Amino acid sequence: MSVEAIILAAGQGTRMRSKLPKVLHTLAGKPLVTRLAETTASLDLKGLHVVVGHAADQVSAAVSHLGAQCHFQADQKGTGHAFGIASEHVDNDSILLLMYADSPLIPADVMQQMVDHAQQDKLVMLTVTLDDPTGFGRIVRNDNHQVQAIVEHKDASPEQLAIGEINTGVYALPAKRLKEWLPRLDTNNAQGELYVTDIVEFAVTDGVDIEVVQPQYVEQALGVNDRIQLAELERWYQQFQATELMRNGVQVADPTRIDVRGELTCGQDITIDINCVFEGQVSLGDDVFIGPNCTIKDASVGAGTVIKANSVIEGAVIGEQCDIGPFARLRPGSELANKAKVGNFVETKKTYLGEGSKANHFTYLGDTVVGQGVNIGAGTITCNYDGVNKFQTNIEDGVFVGSNSSLVAPVTIGSGATVGAGSTVTKDVPADSLAVARGKQRNMAAWTKPSKLAK
C-alpha cells in the first residue's frame, strides 16, 4: 500500500508569546515543521500533506523543498477538522500518518513501524509512559491489555489518573477508515471542536484492532507548547547527539555544552572542547582537535587539523594538518591545502591558501590565490574591492610578504618575490624580485616635541 502523511501546522501557538508561528521556531537549527517533515519525507511517501493557517506562506515555504502539498485551514475548528481538510486530497487505498508539527523528534523507524502495522487494517497509536502524566489523556486498557479509550485528565477517575501511559495524538491507519470516521465526529465538548482522538472510540465500536507503538525515548514523542518546553527539548536533543558522538569515539569535553544544528560526520579520535556549535553539513577527519567556543558551519576539516579557541568557520574546505586560530575567521569559499596555517585575527574569504603557507596574525585575504610555502606578514590585507567590483590577488609559490602591506587587486606577486614591510603594491611584482612601495623615510634632527599649553 502507498503511504501518505498529514502534518498539522496551522496554529499560532499563543503560549510562545511570539509573532512567529510556533511551528517556525527552531530546534537544533531547523524550524519544528521542517524537522518533522524532513524525517517523514525520508519514508517512501506517495504524498506529504501539511495543513497551514497562521502565516501560511511562511510555513509553506519551510516545507516547499520537500514537495509538500499545503492545504489552508481558515478557521481553527479542532484536529478532526484539520485532518479532514487534508484527507480530501489523499487516496482511499493509502495508509495515513497523522502528526503534529510541534512534535518534531519522532524517529523515522518509529513512523515506519506504525505504517507497517496499519497495513493490517489496524489503528496504530503512538503513546509514551510518563512518571508524571498530569494534563495528558490516559490510555485505558481492558483486562486483555487492549486499548479501550482515551480519557482526558479532567474526566479521569482516581484509578485512571494513576495510569502513566498517555496519548500523543499521533496515529497511523488506513485512509478509508479515517474517511469513514471523520463524519462521525461531533462538537459535543467544552471547546465545541472536532477532536480526532474520538476515532479511538470508533475503532473499538467497529471492531478494528488497535495497536500501540512507543519510541525508545519519551522525548522523541513530546510536543512543544511554550518556550520552556522548547528549551527543554533542545537540551535533551543536544545531550542525545553528544551521547551518540561519544559512543562513536568522539571525545566531547562536556556533553552539556555542545550544539549540533545539522549533520556532523566524524572520523576517529576527534576532540571537541566546550561551547562548540556545528551547523549545516560538517565533516571532521581523524585526529581533528577543536578548541573551545568555535562555530563551524558547512565545512570539511581534514585529518590532524587543529582549530584553536574562538574560531569561526563557514563554507570552507580545510586540508590535513592545518593550524587555525585562535580567533580566526574563514568565510565561504575559503580553502586551505595541507599544513596551511591561519593564525589569530586572520580572516579569509574566497581564498585558496597553498600547502605549507601561513598567515599568522591580523590579516585579511579576500579573493586571493596563495601558492605553496608563502609567508604573509602581520597586518597584510588584499584590497579586493573598489566600491563596485571585486578583483583577485595572486601570490605565487615561495613569496614573502612583509608586515603591514596592502596588495591592491588585481595584482600578481611572482614566485619567490619579496614585498617589503609597509608597502602598498599596485603593480605586478616579477618573480624573485623585491618590491618596496612606501614613502622615503626622513629623519629631522632639529625637531621639537609638542608641549602642553599653559593654562
Protein backbone atom coordinates (compact mmCIF):
# COMPACT_ATOMS: atom_id res chain seq x y z
CA MET A 1 0.00 0.00 0.00
CA SER A 2 1.11 3.56 -0.64
CA VAL A 3 1.83 5.81 2.32
CA GLU A 4 0.81 9.42 2.80
CA ALA A 5 1.33 11.72 5.76
CA ILE A 6 -0.62 14.67 7.12
CA ILE A 7 1.11 17.18 9.39
CA LEU A 8 -0.91 19.82 11.22
CA ALA A 9 0.85 23.20 11.20
CA ALA A 10 -1.96 25.74 11.17
CA GLY A 11 -1.91 27.08 14.74
CA GLN A 12 -0.37 30.28 16.02
CA GLY A 13 0.90 28.81 19.30
CA THR A 14 -0.11 31.68 21.57
CA ARG A 15 1.84 30.31 24.53
CA MET A 16 5.08 31.01 22.66
CA ARG A 17 4.31 34.75 23.09
CA SER A 18 5.73 35.40 19.64
CA LYS A 19 4.82 36.99 16.33
CA LEU A 20 6.33 33.90 14.72
CA PRO A 21 4.07 30.83 14.48
CA LYS A 22 5.11 28.11 16.88
CA VAL A 23 5.96 25.63 14.13
CA LEU A 24 8.58 28.02 12.70
CA HIS A 25 10.53 28.24 15.95
CA THR A 26 13.70 26.19 15.66
CA LEU A 27 15.05 23.09 17.34
CA ALA A 28 18.70 22.27 16.60
CA GLY A 29 18.75 24.91 13.88
CA LYS A 30 15.63 23.87 11.95
CA PRO A 31 12.00 25.01 12.19
CA LEU A 32 9.89 22.45 14.00
CA VAL A 33 7.72 21.83 10.95
CA THR A 34 10.76 21.41 8.68
CA ARG A 35 12.44 18.96 11.03
CA LEU A 36 9.38 16.70 11.29
CA ALA A 37 8.56 16.99 7.58
CA GLU A 38 12.10 16.06 6.54
CA THR A 39 12.04 12.97 8.75
CA THR A 40 8.64 12.00 7.38
CA ALA A 41 9.76 12.55 3.79
CA SER A 42 12.58 10.03 4.33
CA LEU A 43 9.90 7.33 4.20
CA ASP A 44 8.69 6.07 0.84
CA LEU A 45 5.78 8.51 0.63
CA LYS A 46 3.24 8.95 -2.09
CA GLY A 47 2.17 12.27 -0.66
CA LEU A 48 3.16 14.69 2.10
CA HIS A 49 0.34 17.00 3.20
CA VAL A 50 0.75 19.99 5.53
CA VAL A 51 -2.25 21.86 6.90
CA VAL A 52 -1.39 25.55 7.21
CA GLY A 53 -3.19 28.55 8.67
CA HIS A 54 -1.35 31.31 10.54
CA ALA A 55 1.47 32.72 8.40
CA ALA A 56 0.55 30.15 5.76
CA ASP A 57 3.05 31.44 3.19
CA GLN A 58 5.95 31.23 5.64
CA VAL A 59 5.01 27.75 6.84
CA SER A 60 4.53 26.54 3.27
CA ALA A 61 7.96 27.89 2.34
CA ALA A 62 9.52 25.91 5.20
CA VAL A 63 8.43 22.61 3.57
CA SER A 64 8.42 23.58 -0.11
CA HIS A 65 11.76 21.85 -0.78
CA LEU A 66 10.09 18.55 0.13
CA GLY A 67 7.33 18.88 -2.45
CA ALA A 68 4.69 19.04 0.28
CA GLN A 69 1.10 19.80 -0.63
CA CYS A 70 -0.14 22.57 1.66
CA HIS A 71 -3.84 22.89 2.49
CA PHE A 72 -5.23 26.04 4.09
CA GLN A 73 -7.38 25.88 7.24
CA ALA A 74 -9.16 29.23 7.51
CA ASP A 75 -10.87 28.53 10.84
CA GLN A 76 -9.36 26.51 13.65
CA LYS A 77 -12.13 24.02 14.47
CA GLY A 78 -10.12 21.25 16.04
CA THR A 79 -7.80 18.47 14.99
CA GLY A 80 -10.59 16.46 13.40
CA HIS A 81 -11.47 19.41 11.18
CA ALA A 82 -7.84 19.96 10.22
CA PHE A 83 -7.15 16.33 9.32
CA GLY A 84 -10.42 16.32 7.41
CA ILE A 85 -9.25 19.17 5.16
CA ALA A 86 -6.14 17.24 4.10
CA SER A 87 -7.87 13.85 3.92
CA GLU A 88 -9.88 15.08 0.94
CA HIS A 89 -6.63 15.02 -1.06
CA VAL A 90 -5.41 11.50 -0.16
CA ASP A 91 -6.14 8.20 -1.90
CA ASN A 92 -8.61 5.87 -0.25
CA ASP A 93 -6.15 3.00 -0.56
CA SER A 94 -3.31 4.81 1.22
CA ILE A 95 -2.01 4.27 4.72
CA LEU A 96 -2.01 7.59 6.58
CA LEU A 97 0.31 9.00 9.19
CA LEU A 98 -1.36 11.73 11.26
CA MET A 99 1.14 14.01 13.04
CA TYR A 100 1.71 17.46 14.51
CA ALA A 101 4.42 19.92 13.52
CA ASP A 102 5.15 20.81 17.15
CA SER A 103 6.29 17.22 17.87
CA PRO A 104 9.47 17.31 15.78
CA LEU A 105 11.59 14.40 17.03
CA ILE A 106 9.60 11.30 16.08
CA PRO A 107 12.19 8.95 14.51
CA ALA A 108 11.71 7.60 11.01
CA ASP A 109 11.92 3.98 12.21
CA VAL A 110 9.03 4.60 14.63
CA MET A 111 6.96 6.09 11.81
CA GLN A 112 7.76 3.08 9.62
CA GLN A 113 6.80 0.66 12.38
CA MET A 114 3.43 2.39 12.75
CA VAL A 115 2.83 2.28 9.00
CA ASP A 116 3.71 -1.41 8.78
CA HIS A 117 1.18 -2.34 11.48
CA ALA A 118 -1.51 -0.09 10.00
CA GLN A 119 -1.31 -2.03 6.73
CA GLN A 120 -3.05 -4.86 8.57
CA ASP A 121 -6.19 -2.70 8.79
CA LYS A 122 -5.33 -1.50 12.28
CA LEU A 123 -5.42 1.81 14.07
CA VAL A 124 -1.91 2.35 15.40
CA MET A 125 -1.30 4.83 18.20
CA LEU A 126 1.94 6.41 19.37
CA THR A 127 1.97 6.52 23.16
CA VAL A 128 4.53 7.15 25.89
CA THR A 129 4.61 6.33 29.58
CA LEU A 130 5.34 9.27 31.88
CA ASP A 131 6.28 9.42 35.53
CA ASP A 132 4.02 12.47 35.80
CA PRO A 133 1.20 12.27 33.24
CA THR A 134 -0.67 15.27 34.66
CA GLY A 135 -2.70 17.05 32.00
CA PHE A 136 -2.50 14.29 29.38
CA GLY A 137 -5.19 11.95 28.12
CA ARG A 138 -4.77 8.47 29.62
CA ILE A 139 -4.76 5.21 27.64
CA VAL A 140 -7.38 2.94 29.21
CA ARG A 141 -6.99 -0.78 28.53
CA ASN A 142 -9.14 -3.83 29.36
CA ASP A 143 -8.06 -6.96 31.22
CA ASN A 144 -6.56 -8.30 27.99
CA HIS A 145 -4.40 -5.18 27.72
CA GLN A 146 -6.35 -3.96 24.68
CA VAL A 147 -6.88 -0.24 24.26
CA GLN A 148 -10.45 0.73 25.02
CA ALA A 149 -10.47 4.50 25.28
CA ILE A 150 -8.63 7.75 25.80
CA VAL A 151 -9.80 9.54 28.93
CA GLU A 152 -8.87 13.19 29.34
CA HIS A 153 -7.22 14.17 32.62
CA LYS A 154 -10.16 16.28 33.81
CA ASP A 155 -12.57 13.41 33.19
CA ALA A 156 -10.44 10.63 34.67
CA SER A 157 -11.33 8.64 37.78
CA PRO A 158 -8.75 8.22 40.57
CA GLU A 159 -7.85 4.82 39.14
CA GLN A 160 -7.44 6.26 35.66
CA LEU A 161 -5.34 9.15 36.96
CA ALA A 162 -2.85 6.55 38.19
CA ILE A 163 -2.25 5.41 34.60
CA GLY A 164 1.11 6.58 33.26
CA GLU A 165 0.55 5.76 29.58
CA ILE A 166 -0.61 8.83 27.68
CA ASN A 167 -1.85 9.67 24.21
CA THR A 168 0.40 11.68 21.90
CA GLY A 169 -2.26 12.16 19.23
CA VAL A 170 -0.08 10.56 16.54
CA TYR A 171 -1.76 7.80 14.54
CA ALA A 172 -1.33 5.54 11.54
CA LEU A 173 -4.36 3.97 9.88
CA PRO A 174 -5.90 3.16 6.50
CA ALA A 175 -7.22 6.30 4.79
CA LYS A 176 -10.55 4.63 4.16
CA ARG A 177 -11.02 4.19 7.93
CA LEU A 178 -10.28 7.84 8.64
CA LYS A 179 -12.72 8.91 5.94
CA GLU A 180 -15.38 6.66 7.48
CA TRP A 181 -14.84 8.03 10.98
CA LEU A 182 -14.35 11.76 10.43
CA PRO A 183 -18.06 12.38 9.58
CA ARG A 184 -18.96 10.75 12.91
CA LEU A 185 -17.05 13.35 14.95
CA ASP A 186 -19.15 15.89 16.83
CA THR A 187 -18.57 19.09 18.76
CA ASN A 188 -20.14 17.86 21.99
CA ASN A 189 -17.23 19.01 24.17
CA ALA A 190 -16.18 22.02 26.21
CA GLN A 191 -14.33 23.66 23.29
CA GLY A 192 -17.01 22.90 20.71
CA GLU A 193 -14.40 21.45 18.35
CA LEU A 194 -13.92 18.27 16.34
CA TYR A 195 -11.33 16.04 18.03
CA VAL A 196 -9.55 13.34 16.08
CA THR A 197 -8.98 11.41 19.33
CA ASP A 198 -12.60 10.22 19.07
CA ILE A 199 -11.53 7.79 16.33
CA VAL A 200 -10.23 5.50 19.08
CA GLU A 201 -13.78 5.08 20.34
CA PHE A 202 -14.98 4.41 16.78
CA ALA A 203 -12.30 1.76 16.27
CA VAL A 204 -13.38 -0.06 19.42
CA THR A 205 -17.04 0.14 18.39
CA ASP A 206 -16.33 -1.09 14.86
CA GLY A 207 -14.08 -3.92 15.98
CA VAL A 208 -10.91 -2.51 14.41
CA ASP A 209 -7.78 -3.71 16.17
CA ILE A 210 -5.80 -1.02 17.98
CA GLU A 211 -2.06 -1.36 18.32
CA VAL A 212 0.36 0.79 20.28
CA VAL A 213 3.92 1.81 19.36
CA GLN A 214 6.29 3.60 21.74
CA PRO A 215 9.58 5.33 20.89
CA GLN A 216 12.82 4.41 22.63
CA TYR A 217 12.87 7.75 24.45
CA VAL A 218 9.85 9.63 25.77
CA GLU A 219 11.23 12.93 24.48
CA GLN A 220 11.03 11.70 20.89
CA ALA A 221 7.25 11.95 21.05
CA LEU A 222 6.82 15.08 23.13
CA GLY A 223 5.31 18.26 21.76
CA VAL A 224 6.22 21.90 22.29
CA ASN A 225 3.74 24.39 23.69
CA ASP A 226 5.91 27.18 25.03
CA ARG A 227 9.50 28.40 25.06
CA ILE A 228 10.29 26.49 28.25
CA GLN A 229 9.31 23.18 26.68
CA LEU A 230 11.21 24.09 23.53
CA ALA A 231 14.37 24.78 25.55
CA GLU A 232 13.96 21.52 27.47
CA LEU A 233 13.55 19.53 24.27
CA GLU A 234 16.53 21.31 22.69
CA ARG A 235 18.75 20.40 25.65
CA TRP A 236 17.58 16.79 25.57
CA TYR A 237 18.25 16.53 21.85
CA GLN A 238 21.71 18.06 22.14
CA GLN A 239 22.55 15.69 25.01
CA PHE A 240 21.29 12.80 22.88
CA GLN A 241 23.52 13.83 19.98
CA ALA A 242 26.53 14.30 22.25
CA THR A 243 26.00 10.82 23.68
CA GLU A 244 25.86 9.33 20.17
CA LEU A 245 29.09 11.13 19.25
CA MET A 246 30.85 9.74 22.32
CA ARG A 247 29.54 6.24 21.61
CA ASN A 248 31.18 6.56 18.19
CA GLY A 249 34.54 7.52 19.65
CA VAL A 250 34.48 11.32 19.73
CA GLN A 251 35.94 12.93 22.86
CA VAL A 252 33.43 15.59 23.93
CA ALA A 253 34.81 17.70 26.77
CA ASP A 254 31.37 18.44 28.21
CA PRO A 255 28.29 16.86 26.60
CA THR A 256 26.09 19.57 28.11
CA ARG A 257 28.00 22.27 26.22
CA ILE A 258 27.87 21.29 22.56
CA ASP A 259 25.25 22.15 19.93
CA VAL A 260 24.87 20.16 16.71
CA ARG A 261 22.46 22.05 14.48
CA GLY A 262 22.79 19.94 11.39
CA GLU A 263 24.70 16.80 10.43
CA LEU A 264 28.12 16.20 11.96
CA THR A 265 30.20 13.38 10.47
CA CYS A 266 33.29 12.35 12.44
CA GLY A 267 36.35 10.18 11.95
CA GLN A 268 38.36 8.59 14.78
CA ASP A 269 39.99 10.20 17.81
CA ILE A 270 38.43 13.62 17.47
CA THR A 271 38.43 16.02 20.41
CA ILE A 272 35.77 18.73 20.79
CA ASP A 273 36.19 21.25 23.60
CA ILE A 274 33.37 23.16 25.32
CA ASN A 275 30.81 25.51 23.76
CA CYS A 276 31.31 24.45 20.15
CA VAL A 277 28.48 24.85 17.63
CA PHE A 278 28.15 22.83 14.41
CA GLU A 279 25.67 23.98 11.76
CA GLY A 280 24.65 22.57 8.40
CA GLN A 281 26.84 19.80 6.96
CA VAL A 282 30.15 19.41 8.79
CA SER A 283 32.70 16.60 8.40
CA LEU A 284 35.75 16.10 10.62
CA GLY A 285 38.62 13.82 9.67
CA ASP A 286 40.64 11.63 12.04
CA ASP A 287 42.55 13.26 14.90
CA VAL A 288 40.98 16.70 14.49
CA PHE A 289 41.14 18.91 17.59
CA ILE A 290 38.63 21.72 18.06
CA GLY A 291 39.24 24.19 20.86
CA PRO A 292 36.60 25.93 22.95
CA ASN A 293 33.97 28.36 21.66
CA CYS A 294 34.28 27.54 17.96
CA THR A 295 31.49 27.72 15.39
CA ILE A 296 31.77 25.55 12.28
CA LYS A 297 29.16 25.63 9.51
CA ASP A 298 29.02 23.76 6.20
CA ALA A 299 32.69 22.83 6.23
CA SER A 300 35.00 19.84 5.89
CA VAL A 301 38.11 19.55 8.05
CA GLY A 302 40.96 17.24 7.12
CA ALA A 303 42.72 14.76 9.39
CA GLY A 304 45.08 16.09 12.05
CA THR A 305 43.95 19.71 11.78
CA VAL A 306 43.89 21.85 14.92
CA ILE A 307 41.26 24.58 15.26
CA LYS A 308 42.04 26.79 18.24
CA ALA A 309 39.69 28.70 20.50
CA ASN A 310 37.06 31.17 19.32
CA SER A 311 37.42 30.49 15.61
CA VAL A 312 34.51 30.82 13.17
CA ILE A 313 34.48 28.71 10.01
CA GLU A 314 31.76 28.77 7.35
CA GLY A 315 31.64 27.26 3.87
CA ALA A 316 35.30 26.24 3.96
CA VAL A 317 37.34 23.23 2.84
CA ILE A 318 40.29 22.60 5.15
CA GLY A 319 43.06 20.16 4.35
CA GLU A 320 45.05 17.88 6.62
CA GLN A 321 47.32 19.03 9.46
CA CYS A 322 46.29 22.65 9.19
CA ASP A 323 46.62 25.07 12.11
CA ILE A 324 43.80 27.56 12.58
CA GLY A 325 43.22 30.27 15.16
CA PRO A 326 42.74 31.31 17.83
CA PHE A 327 40.19 33.95 16.80
CA ALA A 328 40.41 33.10 13.09
CA ARG A 329 37.52 33.56 10.67
CA LEU A 330 37.22 31.53 7.49
CA ARG A 331 34.35 32.79 5.36
CA PRO A 332 32.61 30.99 2.46
CA GLY A 333 34.88 29.97 -0.39
CA SER A 334 37.97 29.57 1.77
CA GLU A 335 40.15 26.56 1.01
CA LEU A 336 43.28 25.54 2.91
CA ALA A 337 45.70 23.00 1.47
CA ASN A 338 47.53 20.58 3.74
CA LYS A 339 49.68 22.11 6.50
CA ALA A 340 48.46 25.64 5.86
CA LYS A 341 48.23 27.99 8.81
CA VAL A 342 45.75 30.76 9.57
CA GLY A 343 46.53 32.42 12.87
CA ASN A 344 44.91 34.79 15.32
CA PHE A 345 42.67 37.55 13.96
CA VAL A 346 43.09 36.41 10.37
CA GLU A 347 40.08 36.50 8.03
CA THR A 348 39.80 34.77 4.65
CA LYS A 349 37.06 34.90 2.02
CA LYS A 350 37.06 33.16 -1.38
CA THR A 351 40.72 32.41 -0.80
CA TYR A 352 42.94 29.43 -1.55
CA LEU A 353 45.93 29.05 0.79
CA GLY A 354 48.50 26.64 -0.64
CA GLU A 355 50.33 23.82 1.10
CA GLY A 356 52.55 24.98 3.95
CA SER A 357 51.61 28.63 3.50
CA LYS A 358 50.81 30.75 6.52
CA ALA A 359 49.17 33.97 7.58
CA ASN A 360 49.89 34.15 11.26
CA HIS A 361 48.29 37.35 12.52
CA PHE A 362 45.97 40.28 11.82
CA THR A 363 45.47 39.66 8.11
CA TYR A 364 42.63 39.83 5.57
CA LEU A 365 42.78 37.70 2.43
CA GLY A 366 39.81 38.15 0.12
CA ASP A 367 39.51 36.81 -3.47
CA THR A 368 43.08 35.58 -3.22
CA VAL A 369 45.02 32.60 -4.55
CA VAL A 370 48.12 31.81 -2.50
CA GLY A 371 50.68 29.27 -3.67
CA GLN A 372 52.86 26.92 -1.62
CA GLY A 373 55.30 27.95 1.09
CA VAL A 374 54.13 31.57 1.25
CA ASN A 375 54.54 33.74 4.36
CA ILE A 376 52.00 36.55 4.82
CA GLY A 377 53.22 39.08 7.38
CA ALA A 378 51.12 40.57 10.15
CA GLY A 379 48.73 43.32 9.19
CA THR A 380 48.65 42.42 5.48
CA ILE A 381 45.45 42.92 3.52
CA THR A 382 44.41 42.19 -0.04
CA CYS A 383 42.42 45.18 -1.29
CA ASN A 384 39.91 43.27 -3.41
CA TYR A 385 37.04 45.78 -3.62
CA ASP A 386 36.93 49.14 -5.35
CA GLY A 387 33.48 50.00 -4.06
CA VAL A 388 31.72 48.37 -7.02
CA ASN A 389 33.66 45.32 -8.23
CA LYS A 390 35.78 42.56 -6.69
CA PHE A 391 39.25 41.70 -8.06
CA GLN A 392 41.67 38.83 -7.47
CA THR A 393 45.15 38.78 -5.97
CA ASN A 394 47.60 36.04 -7.00
CA ILE A 395 50.51 35.26 -4.69
CA GLU A 396 52.73 32.61 -6.21
CA ASP A 397 54.90 29.95 -4.55
CA GLY A 398 57.57 30.95 -2.06
CA VAL A 399 56.55 34.61 -1.75
CA PHE A 400 57.36 36.57 1.42
CA VAL A 401 55.02 39.47 2.17
CA GLY A 402 56.30 41.83 4.84
CA SER A 403 54.13 43.12 7.66
CA ASN A 404 51.56 45.89 7.21
CA SER A 405 51.42 45.56 3.43
CA SER A 406 48.44 46.32 1.18
CA LEU A 407 48.12 44.37 -2.08
CA VAL A 408 45.73 46.27 -4.36
CA ALA A 409 43.96 43.86 -6.72
CA PRO A 410 44.12 42.93 -9.48
CA VAL A 411 47.76 42.15 -8.87
CA THR A 412 50.18 39.22 -9.07
CA ILE A 413 53.21 38.65 -6.84
CA GLY A 414 55.57 36.36 -8.76
CA SER A 415 57.12 33.23 -7.28
CA GLY A 416 59.97 33.80 -4.86
CA ALA A 417 59.34 37.54 -4.67
CA THR A 418 59.53 39.62 -1.50
CA VAL A 419 57.31 42.55 -0.57
CA GLY A 420 58.93 44.93 1.87
CA ALA A 421 57.08 45.74 5.06
CA GLY A 422 54.65 48.64 4.88
CA SER A 423 54.32 48.52 1.08
CA THR A 424 51.22 49.38 -0.90
CA VAL A 425 51.57 47.24 -4.04
CA THR A 426 49.54 48.36 -7.05
CA LYS A 427 51.54 46.73 -9.85
CA ASP A 428 52.60 43.15 -10.56
CA VAL A 429 55.85 42.06 -8.91
CA PRO A 430 58.16 39.87 -11.05
CA ALA A 431 59.43 36.56 -9.74
CA ASP A 432 62.37 36.67 -7.32
CA SER A 433 62.16 40.49 -7.06
CA LEU A 434 62.00 42.81 -4.08
CA ALA A 435 59.10 45.25 -4.13
CA VAL A 436 59.25 48.27 -1.85
CA ALA A 437 56.36 50.67 -2.22
CA ARG A 438 56.41 53.17 0.60
CA GLY A 439 57.34 56.81 1.23
CA LYS A 440 61.03 57.59 1.81
CA GLN A 441 61.93 57.96 5.49
CA ARG A 442 63.16 61.37 6.63
CA ASN A 443 64.89 61.88 9.99
CA MET A 444 64.84 65.52 11.21
CA ALA A 445 67.31 66.33 13.99
CA ALA A 446 66.07 69.86 14.63
CA TRP A 447 62.66 68.91 15.84
CA THR A 448 60.90 69.96 19.00
CA LYS A 449 58.34 67.74 20.66
CA PRO A 450 54.98 69.35 21.27
CA SER A 451 54.29 70.52 24.83
CA LYS A 452 51.15 71.20 26.81
CA LEU A 453 49.77 74.68 26.53
CA ALA A 454 49.89 76.78 29.69
CA LYS A 455 46.52 77.22 31.39
